[in-house]
Amino acid sequence: MPIAPLPPFDESDDDDKVSAPPHLHGLAEEIVRLNMLEVKELVDRIGDHFGFTDDDDYMDEDGGGGDGGGDK
């Protein structure tokens, strides 16, 4: 696999400036303004695209992710 160089870092004092193309800034702005139903739909579509299923519960296998929901 070829190694791709990192984009140049902008070392200015402007914290709001991120080195990315304008279309990515626009996409990020749209994503952060989604409501919860839209976020769920986005997550579902990404899961469908990449083949994630509800059976992919890797966090339940001693990997962390809460107390398991059972009575103690």
N, C-alpha and C. Protein backbone atom coordinates (compact mmCIF):
# COMPACT_ATOMS: atom_id res chain seq x y z
N MET A 1 0.86 -1.17 0.00
CA MET A 1 0.00 0.00 0.00
C MET A 1 0.90 1.23 0.00
N PRO A 2 0.69 2.14 -0.95
CA PRO A 2 1.53 3.34 -0.98
C PRO A 2 1.22 4.27 0.18
N ILE A 3 2.22 4.98 0.61
CA ILE A 3 2.07 5.93 1.71
C ILE A 3 1.73 7.29 1.12
N ALA A 4 0.67 7.89 1.63
CA ALA A 4 0.25 9.22 1.18
C ALA A 4 0.72 10.24 2.21
N PRO A 5 1.31 11.32 1.77
CA PRO A 5 1.76 12.34 2.73
C PRO A 5 0.59 13.06 3.36
N LEU A 6 0.79 13.53 4.57
CA LEU A 6 -0.23 14.32 5.26
C LEU A 6 -0.36 15.68 4.60
N PRO A 7 -1.54 16.28 4.68
CA PRO A 7 -1.68 17.64 4.16
C PRO A 7 -0.89 18.60 5.04
N PRO A 8 -0.52 19.74 4.49
CA PRO A 8 0.24 20.70 5.30
C PRO A 8 -0.59 21.22 6.46
N PHE A 9 0.05 21.38 7.60
CA PHE A 9 -0.62 21.92 8.77
C PHE A 9 -0.56 23.44 8.73
N ASP A 10 -1.69 24.05 9.04
CA ASP A 10 -1.73 25.50 9.13
C ASP A 10 -1.44 25.85 10.58
N GLU A 11 -0.33 26.48 10.83
CA GLU A 11 0.09 26.78 12.19
C GLU A 11 -0.31 28.19 12.62
N SER A 12 -1.38 28.72 12.03
CA SER A 12 -1.83 30.05 12.43
C SER A 12 -2.53 29.97 13.78
N ASP A 13 -2.81 31.10 14.36
CA ASP A 13 -3.47 31.16 15.67
C ASP A 13 -4.99 31.05 15.57
N ASP A 14 -5.51 30.88 14.36
CA ASP A 14 -6.95 30.78 14.16
C ASP A 14 -7.41 29.35 14.42
N ASP A 15 -8.07 29.11 15.56
CA ASP A 15 -8.50 27.76 15.95
C ASP A 15 -9.62 27.22 15.07
N ASP A 16 -10.38 28.11 14.42
CA ASP A 16 -11.49 27.68 13.59
C ASP A 16 -11.04 27.23 12.20
N LYS A 17 -9.80 27.40 11.88
CA LYS A 17 -9.32 27.07 10.55
C LYS A 17 -8.80 25.64 10.53
N VAL A 18 -9.36 24.83 9.63
CA VAL A 18 -8.95 23.45 9.45
C VAL A 18 -8.53 23.28 8.00
N SER A 19 -7.43 22.60 7.77
CA SER A 19 -6.94 22.38 6.42
C SER A 19 -7.78 21.30 5.75
N ALA A 20 -8.82 21.71 5.04
CA ALA A 20 -9.69 20.79 4.31
C ALA A 20 -10.35 21.55 3.17
N PRO A 21 -10.73 20.85 2.13
CA PRO A 21 -11.41 21.51 1.00
C PRO A 21 -12.76 22.10 1.43
N PRO A 22 -13.20 23.13 0.74
CA PRO A 22 -14.47 23.78 1.10
C PRO A 22 -15.67 22.84 1.11
N HIS A 23 -15.70 21.86 0.20
CA HIS A 23 -16.87 20.97 0.17
C HIS A 23 -16.92 20.10 1.43
N LEU A 24 -15.78 19.78 2.05
CA LEU A 24 -15.79 19.04 3.30
C LEU A 24 -16.27 19.90 4.45
N HIS A 25 -15.89 21.18 4.44
CA HIS A 25 -16.40 22.10 5.46
C HIS A 25 -17.93 22.19 5.37
N GLY A 26 -18.45 22.27 4.15
CA GLY A 26 -19.89 22.34 3.96
C GLY A 26 -20.59 21.08 4.45
N LEU A 27 -20.01 19.92 4.14
CA LEU A 27 -20.59 18.66 4.59
C LEU A 27 -20.56 18.56 6.11
N ALA A 28 -19.46 18.97 6.72
CA ALA A 28 -19.36 18.94 8.18
C ALA A 28 -20.40 19.85 8.82
N GLU A 29 -20.61 21.02 8.25
CA GLU A 29 -21.63 21.93 8.78
C GLU A 29 -23.02 21.32 8.69
N GLU A 30 -23.31 20.62 7.59
CA GLU A 30 -24.61 19.96 7.46
C GLU A 30 -24.77 18.86 8.50
N ILE A 31 -23.73 18.08 8.72
CA ILE A 31 -23.81 16.96 9.66
C ILE A 31 -24.02 17.44 11.09
N VAL A 32 -23.32 18.47 11.51
CA VAL A 32 -23.45 18.92 12.90
C VAL A 32 -24.80 19.58 13.16
N ARG A 33 -25.54 19.91 12.12
CA ARG A 33 -26.85 20.53 12.30
C ARG A 33 -28.01 19.55 12.12
N LEU A 34 -27.70 18.24 11.98
CA LEU A 34 -28.76 17.25 11.83
C LEU A 34 -29.51 17.06 13.15
N ASN A 35 -30.81 16.78 13.06
CA ASN A 35 -31.55 16.42 14.27
C ASN A 35 -31.36 14.92 14.53
N MET A 36 -31.88 14.42 15.64
CA MET A 36 -31.61 13.03 16.03
C MET A 36 -32.18 12.02 15.03
N LEU A 37 -33.34 12.28 14.46
CA LEU A 37 -33.90 11.36 13.48
C LEU A 37 -33.04 11.31 12.22
N GLU A 38 -32.52 12.47 11.82
CA GLU A 38 -31.65 12.51 10.64
C GLU A 38 -30.32 11.81 10.92
N VAL A 39 -29.81 11.94 12.15
CA VAL A 39 -28.56 11.26 12.52
C VAL A 39 -28.78 9.75 12.47
N LYS A 40 -29.92 9.28 13.00
CA LYS A 40 -30.21 7.84 12.98
C LYS A 40 -30.29 7.33 11.55
N GLU A 41 -30.95 8.09 10.68
CA GLU A 41 -31.05 7.68 9.28
C GLU A 41 -29.67 7.63 8.64
N LEU A 42 -28.83 8.62 8.93
CA LEU A 42 -27.47 8.64 8.39
C LEU A 42 -26.69 7.43 8.87
N VAL A 43 -26.77 7.12 10.16
CA VAL A 43 -26.06 5.97 10.72
C VAL A 43 -26.57 4.68 10.08
N ASP A 44 -27.88 4.56 9.92
CA ASP A 44 -28.45 3.37 9.29
C ASP A 44 -27.97 3.21 7.86
N ARG A 45 -27.93 4.30 7.12
CA ARG A 45 -27.47 4.23 5.73
C ARG A 45 -26.00 3.88 5.64
N ILE A 46 -25.19 4.43 6.54
CA ILE A 46 -23.77 4.08 6.56
C ILE A 46 -23.62 2.60 6.90
N GLY A 47 -24.41 2.13 7.87
CA GLY A 47 -24.37 0.72 8.23
C GLY A 47 -24.76 -0.18 7.07
N ASP A 48 -25.80 0.21 6.34
CA ASP A 48 -26.22 -0.56 5.17
C ASP A 48 -25.12 -0.58 4.11
N HIS A 49 -24.50 0.56 3.88
CA HIS A 49 -23.46 0.67 2.86
C HIS A 49 -22.26 -0.22 3.18
N PHE A 50 -21.84 -0.21 4.46
CA PHE A 50 -20.66 -0.96 4.85
C PHE A 50 -20.99 -2.36 5.37
N GLY A 51 -22.27 -2.73 5.40
CA GLY A 51 -22.66 -4.07 5.79
C GLY A 51 -22.69 -4.32 7.28
N PHE A 52 -22.84 -3.27 8.09
CA PHE A 52 -22.97 -3.45 9.53
C PHE A 52 -24.36 -3.98 9.83
N THR A 53 -24.46 -4.85 10.84
CA THR A 53 -25.76 -5.36 11.25
C THR A 53 -25.90 -5.21 12.75
N ASP A 54 -27.13 -5.41 13.24
CA ASP A 54 -27.36 -5.35 14.68
C ASP A 54 -26.66 -6.50 15.40
N ASP A 55 -26.32 -7.56 14.66
CA ASP A 55 -25.61 -8.69 15.25
C ASP A 55 -24.13 -8.38 15.50
N ASP A 56 -23.66 -7.25 15.00
CA ASP A 56 -22.26 -6.86 15.17
C ASP A 56 -22.06 -6.16 16.50
N ASP A 57 -22.58 -6.74 17.58
CA ASP A 57 -22.49 -6.16 18.91
C ASP A 57 -21.16 -6.52 19.56
N TYR A 58 -20.08 -5.99 19.04
CA TYR A 58 -18.76 -6.32 19.56
C TYR A 58 -18.54 -5.76 20.96
N MET A 59 -19.33 -4.80 21.40
CA MET A 59 -19.13 -4.21 22.72
C MET A 59 -19.69 -5.10 23.83
N ASP A 60 -20.50 -6.11 23.50
CA ASP A 60 -21.07 -6.98 24.52
C ASP A 60 -20.12 -8.10 24.95
N GLU A 61 -19.06 -8.33 24.23
CA GLU A 61 -18.15 -9.44 24.48
C GLU A 61 -16.97 -9.00 25.34
N ASP A 62 -17.19 -8.64 26.58
CA ASP A 62 -16.15 -8.20 27.50
C ASP A 62 -15.29 -7.07 26.95
N GLY A 63 -15.85 -6.34 25.99
CA GLY A 63 -15.12 -5.24 25.40
C GLY A 63 -15.50 -3.90 25.99
N GLY A 64 -16.29 -3.92 27.04
CA GLY A 64 -16.74 -2.66 27.63
C GLY A 64 -18.12 -2.33 27.13
N GLY A 65 -18.50 -1.09 27.25
CA GLY A 65 -19.77 -0.64 26.73
C GLY A 65 -20.93 -0.79 27.69
N GLY A 66 -20.76 -0.49 28.94
CA GLY A 66 -21.88 -0.52 29.89
C GLY A 66 -21.85 -1.72 30.79
N ASP A 67 -22.91 -1.84 31.59
CA ASP A 67 -22.95 -2.90 32.58
C ASP A 67 -23.70 -4.14 32.10
N GLY A 68 -24.11 -4.17 30.84
CA GLY A 68 -24.78 -5.33 30.31
C GLY A 68 -26.28 -5.31 30.49
N GLY A 69 -26.82 -4.39 31.27
CA GLY A 69 -28.24 -4.22 31.42
C GLY A 69 -28.93 -5.22 32.32
N GLY A 70 -28.21 -6.13 32.93
CA GLY A 70 -28.83 -7.11 33.82
C GLY A 70 -28.88 -6.66 35.25
N ASP A 71 -29.66 -7.39 36.07
CA ASP A 71 -29.71 -7.10 37.51
C ASP A 71 -28.46 -7.63 38.18
N LYS A 72 -28.01 -6.90 39.15
CA LYS A 72 -26.80 -7.33 39.88
C LYS A 72 -27.10 -7.61 41.31
